[in-house]
Amino acid sequence: SSQEEAALHTAEARRDLAKLSLDRQKNLRASGAVSQSDYDSA
């Protein structure tokens, strides 16, 4: 399952990045700096 494990590492990296982006959008949304649609997209 070497190919599947490589795909898993890629997916985990994209997920971690998306998690960081979501956390930033959440903080900015709390202060009203971004719109609700930007938060929903993240």
PDB file of all heavy atoms in Angstrom:
ATOM      1  N   SER A   1       0.829  -1.218   0.000  1.00  0.00           N
ATOM      2  CA  SER A   1       0.000   0.000   0.000  1.00  0.00           C
ATOM      3  C   SER A   1       0.856   1.257   0.000  1.00  0.00           C
ATOM      4  O   SER A   1       0.479   2.277   0.572  1.00  0.00           O
ATOM      5  CB  SER A   1      -0.923  -0.006   1.228  1.00  0.00           C
ATOM      6  OG  SER A   1      -0.160  -0.089   2.423  1.00  0.00           O
ATOM      7  N   SER A   2       2.036   1.186  -0.625  1.00  0.00           N
ATOM      8  CA  SER A   2       2.928   2.349  -0.640  1.00  0.00           C
ATOM      9  C   SER A   2       2.286   3.537  -1.356  1.00  0.00           C
ATOM     10  O   SER A   2       2.410   4.684  -0.911  1.00  0.00           O
ATOM     11  CB  SER A   2       4.263   1.981  -1.301  1.00  0.00           C
ATOM     12  OG  SER A   2       4.037   1.436  -2.593  1.00  0.00           O
ATOM     13  N   GLN A   3       1.587   3.290  -2.464  1.00  0.00           N
ATOM     14  CA  GLN A   3       0.940   4.396  -3.179  1.00  0.00           C
ATOM     15  C   GLN A   3      -0.185   4.994  -2.337  1.00  0.00           C
ATOM     16  O   GLN A   3      -0.332   6.228  -2.264  1.00  0.00           O
ATOM     17  CB  GLN A   3       0.386   3.911  -4.513  1.00  0.00           C
ATOM     18  CG  GLN A   3       1.466   3.559  -5.527  1.00  0.00           C
ATOM     19  CD  GLN A   3       0.869   3.173  -6.867  1.00  0.00           C
ATOM     20  OE1 GLN A   3      -0.337   2.974  -6.988  1.00  0.00           O
ATOM     21  NE2 GLN A   3       1.714   3.060  -7.874  1.00  0.00           N
ATOM     22  N   GLU A   4      -0.935   4.171  -1.693  1.00  0.00           N
ATOM     23  CA  GLU A   4      -2.023   4.669  -0.855  1.00  0.00           C
ATOM     24  C   GLU A   4      -1.496   5.449   0.344  1.00  0.00           C
ATOM     25  O   GLU A   4      -2.077   6.454   0.758  1.00  0.00           O
ATOM     26  CB  GLU A   4      -2.898   3.508  -0.389  1.00  0.00           C
ATOM     27  CG  GLU A   4      -3.752   2.860  -1.459  1.00  0.00           C
ATOM     28  CD  GLU A   4      -2.954   1.915  -2.345  1.00  0.00           C
ATOM     29  OE1 GLU A   4      -1.754   1.681  -2.051  1.00  0.00           O
ATOM     30  OE2 GLU A   4      -3.522   1.422  -3.335  1.00  0.00           O
ATOM     31  N   GLU A   5      -0.371   4.996   0.906  1.00  0.00           N
ATOM     32  CA  GLU A   5       0.209   5.707   2.039  1.00  0.00           C
ATOM     33  C   GLU A   5       0.753   7.067   1.602  1.00  0.00           C
ATOM     34  O   GLU A   5       0.650   8.058   2.354  1.00  0.00           O
ATOM     35  CB  GLU A   5       1.316   4.861   2.668  1.00  0.00           C
ATOM     36  CG  GLU A   5       0.779   3.629   3.390  1.00  0.00           C
ATOM     37  CD  GLU A   5       1.886   2.725   3.887  1.00  0.00           C
ATOM     38  OE1 GLU A   5       3.067   3.053   3.633  1.00  0.00           O
ATOM     39  OE2 GLU A   5       1.581   1.704   4.521  1.00  0.00           O
ATOM     40  N   ALA A   6       1.321   7.127   0.391  1.00  0.00           N
ATOM     41  CA  ALA A   6       1.781   8.425  -0.126  1.00  0.00           C
ATOM     42  C   ALA A   6       0.599   9.368  -0.326  1.00  0.00           C
ATOM     43  O   ALA A   6       0.675  10.560   0.011  1.00  0.00           O
ATOM     44  CB  ALA A   6       2.544   8.228  -1.436  1.00  0.00           C
ATOM     45  N   ALA A   7      -0.479   8.823  -0.872  1.00  0.00           N
ATOM     46  CA  ALA A   7      -1.673   9.649  -1.045  1.00  0.00           C
ATOM     47  C   ALA A   7      -2.226  10.097   0.302  1.00  0.00           C
ATOM     48  O   ALA A   7      -2.740  11.216   0.443  1.00  0.00           O
ATOM     49  CB  ALA A   7      -2.726   8.871  -1.836  1.00  0.00           C
ATOM     50  N   LEU A   8      -2.086   9.247   1.325  1.00  0.00           N
ATOM     51  CA  LEU A   8      -2.543   9.618   2.660  1.00  0.00           C
ATOM     52  C   LEU A   8      -1.729  10.785   3.208  1.00  0.00           C
ATOM     53  O   LEU A   8      -2.288  11.722   3.804  1.00  0.00           O
ATOM     54  CB  LEU A   8      -2.435   8.404   3.586  1.00  0.00           C
ATOM     55  CG  LEU A   8      -2.715   8.655   5.066  1.00  0.00           C
ATOM     56  CD1 LEU A   8      -4.164   9.125   5.260  1.00  0.00           C
ATOM     57  CD2 LEU A   8      -2.448   7.404   5.890  1.00  0.00           C
ATOM     58  N   HIS A   9      -0.387  10.748   3.020  1.00  0.00           N
ATOM     59  CA  HIS A   9       0.447  11.843   3.516  1.00  0.00           C
ATOM     60  C   HIS A   9       0.073  13.159   2.839  1.00  0.00           C
ATOM     61  O   HIS A   9       0.011  14.218   3.495  1.00  0.00           O
ATOM     62  CB  HIS A   9       1.923  11.526   3.263  1.00  0.00           C
ATOM     63  CG  HIS A   9       2.396  10.303   4.013  1.00  0.00           C
ATOM     64  ND1 HIS A   9       1.902   9.944   5.234  1.00  0.00           N
ATOM     65  CD2 HIS A   9       3.351   9.374   3.689  1.00  0.00           C
ATOM     66  CE1 HIS A   9       2.494   8.845   5.659  1.00  0.00           C
ATOM     67  NE2 HIS A   9       3.382   8.468   4.727  1.00  0.00           N
ATOM     68  N   THR A  10      -0.180  13.101   1.534  1.00  0.00           N
ATOM     69  CA  THR A  10      -0.577  14.312   0.812  1.00  0.00           C
ATOM     70  C   THR A  10      -1.899  14.846   1.343  1.00  0.00           C
ATOM     71  O   THR A  10      -2.063  16.057   1.580  1.00  0.00           O
ATOM     72  CB  THR A  10      -0.690  14.016  -0.683  1.00  0.00           C
ATOM     73  OG1 THR A  10       0.573  13.550  -1.183  1.00  0.00           O
ATOM     74  CG2 THR A  10      -1.109  15.256  -1.463  1.00  0.00           C
ATOM     75  N   ALA A  11      -2.853  13.914   1.553  1.00  0.00           N
ATOM     76  CA  ALA A  11      -4.167  14.330   2.045  1.00  0.00           C
ATOM     77  C   ALA A  11      -4.068  14.898   3.461  1.00  0.00           C
ATOM     78  O   ALA A  11      -4.757  15.869   3.810  1.00  0.00           O
ATOM     79  CB  ALA A  11      -5.131  13.150   2.012  1.00  0.00           C
ATOM     80  N   GLU A  12      -3.189  14.304   4.285  1.00  0.00           N
ATOM     81  CA  GLU A  12      -3.033  14.820   5.648  1.00  0.00           C
ATOM     82  C   GLU A  12      -2.434  16.223   5.632  1.00  0.00           C
ATOM     83  O   GLU A  12      -2.837  17.088   6.440  1.00  0.00           O
ATOM     84  CB  GLU A  12      -2.153  13.868   6.456  1.00  0.00           C
ATOM     85  CG  GLU A  12      -2.842  12.558   6.816  1.00  0.00           C
ATOM     86  CD  GLU A  12      -1.926  11.593   7.530  1.00  0.00           C
ATOM     87  OE1 GLU A  12      -0.687  11.729   7.386  1.00  0.00           O
ATOM     88  OE2 GLU A  12      -2.428  10.681   8.208  1.00  0.00           O
ATOM     89  N   ALA A  13      -1.455  16.473   4.715  1.00  0.00           N
ATOM     90  CA  ALA A  13      -0.855  17.809   4.627  1.00  0.00           C
ATOM     91  C   ALA A  13      -1.890  18.842   4.192  1.00  0.00           C
ATOM     92  O   ALA A  13      -1.966  19.952   4.750  1.00  0.00           O
ATOM     93  CB  ALA A  13       0.330  17.785   3.653  1.00  0.00           C
ATOM     94  N   ARG A  14      -2.701  18.507   3.198  1.00  0.00           N
ATOM     95  CA  ARG A  14      -3.744  19.429   2.743  1.00  0.00           C
ATOM     96  C   ARG A  14      -4.770  19.671   3.859  1.00  0.00           C
ATOM     97  O   ARG A  14      -5.260  20.794   4.039  1.00  0.00           O
ATOM     98  CB  ARG A  14      -4.427  18.862   1.509  1.00  0.00           C
ATOM     99  CG  ARG A  14      -3.529  18.824   0.263  1.00  0.00           C
ATOM    100  CD  ARG A  14      -4.246  18.110  -0.877  1.00  0.00           C
ATOM    101  NE  ARG A  14      -5.456  18.820  -1.238  1.00  0.00           N
ATOM    102  CZ  ARG A  14      -5.508  19.811  -2.139  1.00  0.00           C
ATOM    103  NH1 ARG A  14      -4.389  20.205  -2.753  1.00  0.00           N
ATOM    104  NH2 ARG A  14      -6.651  20.398  -2.414  1.00  0.00           N
ATOM    105  N   ARG A  15      -5.086  18.618   4.592  1.00  0.00           N
ATOM    106  CA  ARG A  15      -6.044  18.803   5.684  1.00  0.00           C
ATOM    107  C   ARG A  15      -5.494  19.706   6.780  1.00  0.00           C
ATOM    108  O   ARG A  15      -6.208  20.581   7.311  1.00  0.00           O
ATOM    109  CB  ARG A  15      -6.390  17.425   6.277  1.00  0.00           C
ATOM    110  CG  ARG A  15      -7.398  17.468   7.423  1.00  0.00           C
ATOM    111  CD  ARG A  15      -7.324  16.212   8.248  1.00  0.00           C
ATOM    112  NE  ARG A  15      -5.971  16.023   8.811  1.00  0.00           N
ATOM    113  CZ  ARG A  15      -5.589  14.938   9.465  1.00  0.00           C
ATOM    114  NH1 ARG A  15      -6.419  13.930   9.624  1.00  0.00           N
ATOM    115  NH2 ARG A  15      -4.352  14.850   9.943  1.00  0.00           N
ATOM    116  N   ASP A  16      -4.204  19.504   7.126  1.00  0.00           N
ATOM    117  CA  ASP A  16      -3.605  20.334   8.179  1.00  0.00           C
ATOM    118  C   ASP A  16      -3.567  21.796   7.760  1.00  0.00           C
ATOM    119  O   ASP A  16      -3.819  22.701   8.576  1.00  0.00           O
ATOM    120  CB  ASP A  16      -2.192  19.831   8.491  1.00  0.00           C
ATOM    121  CG  ASP A  16      -2.200  18.440   9.112  1.00  0.00           C
ATOM    122  OD1 ASP A  16      -3.280  18.011   9.581  1.00  0.00           O
ATOM    123  OD2 ASP A  16      -1.148  17.774   9.101  1.00  0.00           O
ATOM    124  N   LEU A  17      -3.231  22.024   6.485  1.00  0.00           N
ATOM    125  CA  LEU A  17      -3.222  23.402   5.989  1.00  0.00           C
ATOM    126  C   LEU A  17      -4.620  23.997   6.013  1.00  0.00           C
ATOM    127  O   LEU A  17      -4.816  25.168   6.397  1.00  0.00           O
ATOM    128  CB  LEU A  17      -2.650  23.440   4.570  1.00  0.00           C
ATOM    129  CG  LEU A  17      -2.594  24.838   3.921  1.00  0.00           C
ATOM    130  CD1 LEU A  17      -1.714  25.795   4.740  1.00  0.00           C
ATOM    131  CD2 LEU A  17      -2.085  24.734   2.474  1.00  0.00           C
ATOM    132  N   ALA A  18      -5.608  23.203   5.606  1.00  0.00           N
ATOM    133  CA  ALA A  18      -6.984  23.681   5.620  1.00  0.00           C
ATOM    134  C   ALA A  18      -7.448  23.967   7.050  1.00  0.00           C
ATOM    135  O   ALA A  18      -8.228  24.891   7.290  1.00  0.00           O
ATOM    136  CB  ALA A  18      -7.903  22.652   4.953  1.00  0.00           C
ATOM    137  N   LYS A  19      -6.939  23.186   8.021  1.00  0.00           N
ATOM    138  CA  LYS A  19      -7.294  23.418   9.420  1.00  0.00           C
ATOM    139  C   LYS A  19      -6.750  24.754   9.918  1.00  0.00           C
ATOM    140  O   LYS A  19      -7.452  25.510  10.620  1.00  0.00           O
ATOM    141  CB  LYS A  19      -6.758  22.267  10.272  1.00  0.00           C
ATOM    142  CG  LYS A  19      -7.107  22.379  11.767  1.00  0.00           C
ATOM    143  CD  LYS A  19      -8.594  22.240  11.990  1.00  0.00           C
ATOM    144  CE  LYS A  19      -8.937  22.066  13.476  1.00  0.00           C
ATOM    145  NZ  LYS A  19      -8.497  23.209  14.310  1.00  0.00           N
ATOM    146  N   LEU A  20      -5.489  25.067   9.540  1.00  0.00           N
ATOM    147  CA  LEU A  20      -4.913  26.347   9.932  1.00  0.00           C
ATOM    148  C   LEU A  20      -5.680  27.506   9.316  1.00  0.00           C
ATOM    149  O   LEU A  20      -5.957  28.527   9.984  1.00  0.00           O
ATOM    150  CB  LEU A  20      -3.441  26.405   9.501  1.00  0.00           C
ATOM    151  CG  LEU A  20      -2.484  25.435  10.215  1.00  0.00           C
ATOM    152  CD1 LEU A  20      -1.090  25.498   9.587  1.00  0.00           C
ATOM    153  CD2 LEU A  20      -2.416  25.738  11.701  1.00  0.00           C
ATOM    154  N   SER A  21      -6.030  27.359   8.038  1.00  0.00           N
ATOM    155  CA  SER A  21      -6.800  28.408   7.359  1.00  0.00           C
ATOM    156  C   SER A  21      -8.166  28.588   8.007  1.00  0.00           C
ATOM    157  O   SER A  21      -8.645  29.716   8.186  1.00  0.00           O
ATOM    158  CB  SER A  21      -6.947  28.070   5.882  1.00  0.00           C
ATOM    159  OG  SER A  21      -7.740  29.024   5.209  1.00  0.00           O
ATOM    160  N   LEU A  22      -8.798  27.486   8.386  1.00  0.00           N
ATOM    161  CA  LEU A  22     -10.101  27.567   9.028  1.00  0.00           C
ATOM    162  C   LEU A  22     -10.004  28.270  10.380  1.00  0.00           C
ATOM    163  O   LEU A  22     -10.862  29.095  10.739  1.00  0.00           O
ATOM    164  CB  LEU A  22     -10.685  26.156   9.194  1.00  0.00           C
ATOM    165  CG  LEU A  22     -12.027  26.067   9.937  1.00  0.00           C
ATOM    166  CD1 LEU A  22     -13.111  26.836   9.170  1.00  0.00           C
ATOM    167  CD2 LEU A  22     -12.431  24.623  10.138  1.00  0.00           C
ATOM    168  N   ASP A  23      -8.936  27.963  11.152  1.00  0.00           N
ATOM    169  CA  ASP A  23      -8.770  28.611  12.458  1.00  0.00           C
ATOM    170  C   ASP A  23      -8.581  30.116  12.299  1.00  0.00           C
ATOM    171  O   ASP A  23      -9.141  30.920  13.085  1.00  0.00           O
ATOM    172  CB  ASP A  23      -7.576  28.001  13.193  1.00  0.00           C
ATOM    173  CG  ASP A  23      -7.850  26.558  13.613  1.00  0.00           C
ATOM    174  OD1 ASP A  23      -9.040  26.168  13.666  1.00  0.00           O
ATOM    175  OD2 ASP A  23      -6.874  25.825  13.876  1.00  0.00           O
ATOM    176  N   ARG A  24      -7.786  30.546  11.270  1.00  0.00           N
ATOM    177  CA  ARG A  24      -7.604  31.985  11.051  1.00  0.00           C
ATOM    178  C   ARG A  24      -8.916  32.651  10.656  1.00  0.00           C
ATOM    179  O   ARG A  24      -9.281  33.724  11.166  1.00  0.00           O
ATOM    180  CB  ARG A  24      -6.548  32.220   9.966  1.00  0.00           C
ATOM    181  CG  ARG A  24      -5.123  31.997  10.455  1.00  0.00           C
ATOM    182  CD  ARG A  24      -4.127  32.571   9.470  1.00  0.00           C
ATOM    183  NE  ARG A  24      -4.197  31.885   8.184  1.00  0.00           N
ATOM    184  CZ  ARG A  24      -3.423  30.851   7.859  1.00  0.00           C
ATOM    185  NH1 ARG A  24      -2.552  30.362   8.746  1.00  0.00           N
ATOM    186  NH2 ARG A  24      -3.533  30.274   6.683  1.00  0.00           N
ATOM    187  N   GLN A  25      -9.661  31.994   9.756  1.00  0.00           N
ATOM    188  CA  GLN A  25     -10.934  32.552   9.322  1.00  0.00           C
ATOM    189  C   GLN A  25     -11.917  32.651  10.493  1.00  0.00           C
ATOM    190  O   GLN A  25     -12.719  33.590  10.576  1.00  0.00           O
ATOM    191  CB  GLN A  25     -11.532  31.679   8.213  1.00  0.00           C
ATOM    192  CG  GLN A  25     -10.763  31.700   6.908  1.00  0.00           C
ATOM    193  CD  GLN A  25     -10.866  33.061   6.212  1.00  0.00           C
ATOM    194  OE1 GLN A  25     -11.803  33.823   6.420  1.00  0.00           O
ATOM    195  NE2 GLN A  25      -9.862  33.372   5.376  1.00  0.00           N
ATOM    196  N   LYS A  26     -11.826  31.670  11.400  1.00  0.00           N
ATOM    197  CA  LYS A  26     -12.708  31.698  12.550  1.00  0.00           C
ATOM    198  C   LYS A  26     -12.417  32.898  13.452  1.00  0.00           C
ATOM    199  O   LYS A  26     -13.331  33.587  13.935  1.00  0.00           O
ATOM    200  CB  LYS A  26     -12.556  30.390  13.330  1.00  0.00           C
ATOM    201  CG  LYS A  26     -13.525  30.251  14.502  1.00  0.00           C
ATOM    202  CD  LYS A  26     -13.356  28.899  15.165  1.00  0.00           C
ATOM    203  CE  LYS A  26     -14.351  28.726  16.307  1.00  0.00           C
ATOM    204  NZ  LYS A  26     -14.213  27.410  16.965  1.00  0.00           N
ATOM    205  N   ASN A  27     -11.106  33.182  13.659  1.00  0.00           N
ATOM    206  CA  ASN A  27     -10.738  34.322  14.503  1.00  0.00           C
ATOM    207  C   ASN A  27     -11.114  35.645  13.838  1.00  0.00           C
ATOM    208  O   ASN A  27     -11.611  36.576  14.498  1.00  0.00           O
ATOM    209  CB  ASN A  27      -9.235  34.286  14.802  1.00  0.00           C
ATOM    210  CG  ASN A  27      -8.857  33.109  15.684  1.00  0.00           C
ATOM    211  OD1 ASN A  27      -9.658  32.644  16.484  1.00  0.00           O
ATOM    212  ND2 ASN A  27      -7.623  32.631  15.533  1.00  0.00           N
ATOM    213  N   LEU A  28     -10.853  35.728  12.531  1.00  0.00           N
ATOM    214  CA  LEU A  28     -11.196  36.963  11.807  1.00  0.00           C
ATOM    215  C   LEU A  28     -12.698  37.154  11.742  1.00  0.00           C
ATOM    216  O   LEU A  28     -13.190  38.296  11.819  1.00  0.00           O
ATOM    217  CB  LEU A  28     -10.613  36.907  10.397  1.00  0.00           C
ATOM    218  CG  LEU A  28      -9.078  36.961  10.301  1.00  0.00           C
ATOM    219  CD1 LEU A  28      -8.618  36.748   8.863  1.00  0.00           C
ATOM    220  CD2 LEU A  28      -8.548  38.299  10.845  1.00  0.00           C
ATOM    221  N   ARG A  29     -13.420  36.105  11.637  1.00  0.00           N
ATOM    222  CA  ARG A  29     -14.879  36.222  11.594  1.00  0.00           C
ATOM    223  C   ARG A  29     -15.426  36.714  12.924  1.00  0.00           C
ATOM    224  O   ARG A  29     -16.402  37.482  12.975  1.00  0.00           O
ATOM    225  CB  ARG A  29     -15.480  34.848  11.244  1.00  0.00           C
ATOM    226  CG  ARG A  29     -17.003  34.835  11.199  1.00  0.00           C
ATOM    227  CD  ARG A  29     -17.541  35.826  10.218  1.00  0.00           C
ATOM    228  NE  ARG A  29     -18.991  35.946  10.285  1.00  0.00           N
ATOM    229  CZ  ARG A  29     -19.673  36.986   9.857  1.00  0.00           C
ATOM    230  NH1 ARG A  29     -19.023  38.052   9.316  1.00  0.00           N
ATOM    231  NH2 ARG A  29     -20.978  37.032   9.946  1.00  0.00           N
ATOM    232  N   ALA A  30     -14.762  36.300  13.997  1.00  0.00           N
ATOM    233  CA  ALA A  30     -15.205  36.760  15.314  1.00  0.00           C
ATOM    234  C   ALA A  30     -15.038  38.268  15.480  1.00  0.00           C
ATOM    235  O   ALA A  30     -15.832  38.923  16.170  1.00  0.00           O
ATOM    236  CB  ALA A  30     -14.435  36.012  16.401  1.00  0.00           C
ATOM    237  N   SER A  31     -13.996  38.808  14.817  1.00  0.00           N
ATOM    238  CA  SER A  31     -13.760  40.267  14.904  1.00  0.00           C
ATOM    239  C   SER A  31     -14.461  41.026  13.780  1.00  0.00           C
ATOM    240  O   SER A  31     -14.343  42.247  13.695  1.00  0.00           O
ATOM    241  CB  SER A  31     -12.259  40.568  14.879  1.00  0.00           C
ATOM    242  OG  SER A  31     -11.680  40.107  13.658  1.00  0.00           O
ATOM    243  N   GLY A  32     -15.115  40.302  12.863  1.00  0.00           N
ATOM    244  CA  GLY A  32     -15.842  40.929  11.760  1.00  0.00           C
ATOM    245  C   GLY A  32     -14.966  41.333  10.606  1.00  0.00           C
ATOM    246  O   GLY A  32     -15.414  42.105   9.731  1.00  0.00           O
ATOM    247  N   ALA A  33     -13.718  40.787  10.543  1.00  0.00           N
ATOM    248  CA  ALA A  33     -12.799  41.179   9.474  1.00  0.00           C
ATOM    249  C   ALA A  33     -13.076  40.451   8.173  1.00  0.00           C
ATOM    250  O   ALA A  33     -12.645  40.920   7.096  1.00  0.00           O
ATOM    251  CB  ALA A  33     -11.350  40.940   9.919  1.00  0.00           C
ATOM    252  N   VAL A  34     -13.737  39.293   8.208  1.00  0.00           N
ATOM    253  CA  VAL A  34     -14.055  38.539   6.987  1.00  0.00           C
ATOM    254  C   VAL A  34     -15.547  38.264   6.968  1.00  0.00           C
ATOM    255  O   VAL A  34     -16.227  38.311   8.009  1.00  0.00           O
ATOM    256  CB  VAL A  34     -13.271  37.227   6.904  1.00  0.00           C
ATOM    257  CG1 VAL A  34     -11.768  37.492   6.786  1.00  0.00           C
ATOM    258  CG2 VAL A  34     -13.574  36.348   8.103  1.00  0.00           C
ATOM    259  N   SER A  35     -16.024  37.947   5.781  1.00  0.00           N
ATOM    260  CA  SER A  35     -17.456  37.668   5.629  1.00  0.00           C
ATOM    261  C   SER A  35     -17.756  36.227   6.019  1.00  0.00           C
ATOM    262  O   SER A  35     -16.858  35.381   6.123  1.00  0.00           O
ATOM    263  CB  SER A  35     -17.890  37.927   4.183  1.00  0.00           C
ATOM    264  OG  SER A  35     -17.233  37.011   3.314  1.00  0.00           O
ATOM    265  N   GLN A  36     -19.039  35.957   6.186  1.00  0.00           N
ATOM    266  CA  GLN A  36     -19.485  34.611   6.527  1.00  0.00           C
ATOM    267  C   GLN A  36     -19.203  33.632   5.401  1.00  0.00           C
ATOM    268  O   GLN A  36     -18.855  32.470   5.638  1.00  0.00           O
ATOM    269  CB  GLN A  36     -20.987  34.616   6.848  1.00  0.00           C
ATOM    270  CG  GLN A  36     -21.567  33.258   7.243  1.00  0.00           C
ATOM    271  CD  GLN A  36     -21.016  32.740   8.560  1.00  0.00           C
ATOM    272  OE1 GLN A  36     -20.788  33.555   9.478  1.00  0.00           O
ATOM    273  NE2 GLN A  36     -20.747  31.435   8.640  1.00  0.00           N
ATOM    274  N   SER A  37     -19.280  34.100   4.159  1.00  0.00           N
ATOM    275  CA  SER A  37     -19.030  33.220   3.013  1.00  0.00           C
ATOM    276  C   SER A  37     -17.584  32.778   2.969  1.00  0.00           C
ATOM    277  O   SER A  37     -17.281  31.632   2.613  1.00  0.00           O
ATOM    278  CB  SER A  37     -19.428  33.922   1.711  1.00  0.00           C
ATOM    279  OG  SER A  37     -18.636  35.093   1.530  1.00  0.00           O
ATOM    280  N   ASP A  38     -16.638  33.661   3.324  1.00  0.00           N
ATOM    281  CA  ASP A  38     -15.229  33.263   3.356  1.00  0.00           C
ATOM    282  C   ASP A  38     -15.001  32.184   4.428  1.00  0.00           C
ATOM    283  O   ASP A  38     -14.256  31.231   4.216  1.00  0.00           O
ATOM    284  CB  ASP A  38     -14.345  34.475   3.645  1.00  0.00           C
ATOM    285  CG  ASP A  38     -14.339  35.476   2.481  1.00  0.00           C
ATOM    286  OD1 ASP A  38     -14.641  35.046   1.344  1.00  0.00           O
ATOM    287  OD2 ASP A  38     -14.060  36.662   2.729  1.00  0.00           O
ATOM    288  N   TYR A  39     -15.663  32.379   5.572  1.00  0.00           N
ATOM    289  CA  TYR A  39     -15.536  31.367   6.635  1.00  0.00           C
ATOM    290  C   TYR A  39     -16.142  30.031   6.207  1.00  0.00           C
ATOM    291  O   TYR A  39     -15.555  28.965   6.435  1.00  0.00           O
ATOM    292  CB  TYR A  39     -16.217  31.880   7.907  1.00  0.00           C
ATOM    293  CG  TYR A  39     -16.258  30.842   9.007  1.00  0.00           C
ATOM    294  CD1 TYR A  39     -15.132  30.555   9.770  1.00  0.00           C
ATOM    295  CD2 TYR A  39     -17.443  30.115   9.253  1.00  0.00           C
ATOM    296  CE1 TYR A  39     -15.176  29.589  10.760  1.00  0.00           C
ATOM    297  CE2 TYR A  39     -17.482  29.144  10.240  1.00  0.00           C
ATOM    298  CZ  TYR A  39     -16.345  28.883  10.998  1.00  0.00           C
ATOM    299  OH  TYR A  39     -16.389  27.918  11.976  1.00  0.00           O
ATOM    300  N   ASP A  40     -17.281  30.093   5.540  1.00  0.00           N
ATOM    301  CA  ASP A  40     -17.916  28.848   5.087  1.00  0.00           C
ATOM    302  C   ASP A  40     -17.066  28.135   4.058  1.00  0.00           C
ATOM    303  O   ASP A  40     -16.992  26.897   4.045  1.00  0.00           O
ATOM    304  CB  ASP A  40     -19.298  29.161   4.511  1.00  0.00           C
ATOM    305  CG  ASP A  40     -20.282  29.625   5.579  1.00  0.00           C
ATOM    306  OD1 ASP A  40     -20.022  29.361   6.771  1.00  0.00           O
ATOM    307  OD2 ASP A  40     -21.302  30.245   5.215  1.00  0.00           O
ATOM    308  N   SER A  41     -16.401  28.879   3.177  1.00  0.00           N
ATOM    309  CA  SER A  41     -15.532  28.255   2.170  1.00  0.00           C
ATOM    310  C   SER A  41     -14.350  27.553   2.827  1.00  0.00           C
ATOM    311  O   SER A  41     -13.965  26.438   2.444  1.00  0.00           O
ATOM    312  CB  SER A  41     -15.027  29.318   1.197  1.00  0.00           C
ATOM    313  OG  SER A  41     -16.100  29.886   0.485  1.00  0.00           O
ATOM    314  N   ALA A  42     -13.762  28.204   3.859  1.00  0.00           N
ATOM    315  CA  ALA A  42     -12.644  27.577   4.570  1.00  0.00           C
ATOM    316  C   ALA A  42     -13.094  26.319   5.293  1.00  0.00           C
ATOM    317  O   ALA A  42     -12.376  25.304   5.326  1.00  0.00           O
ATOM    318  CB  ALA A  42     -12.030  28.588   5.553  1.00  0.00           C
TER     319      ALA A  42
END
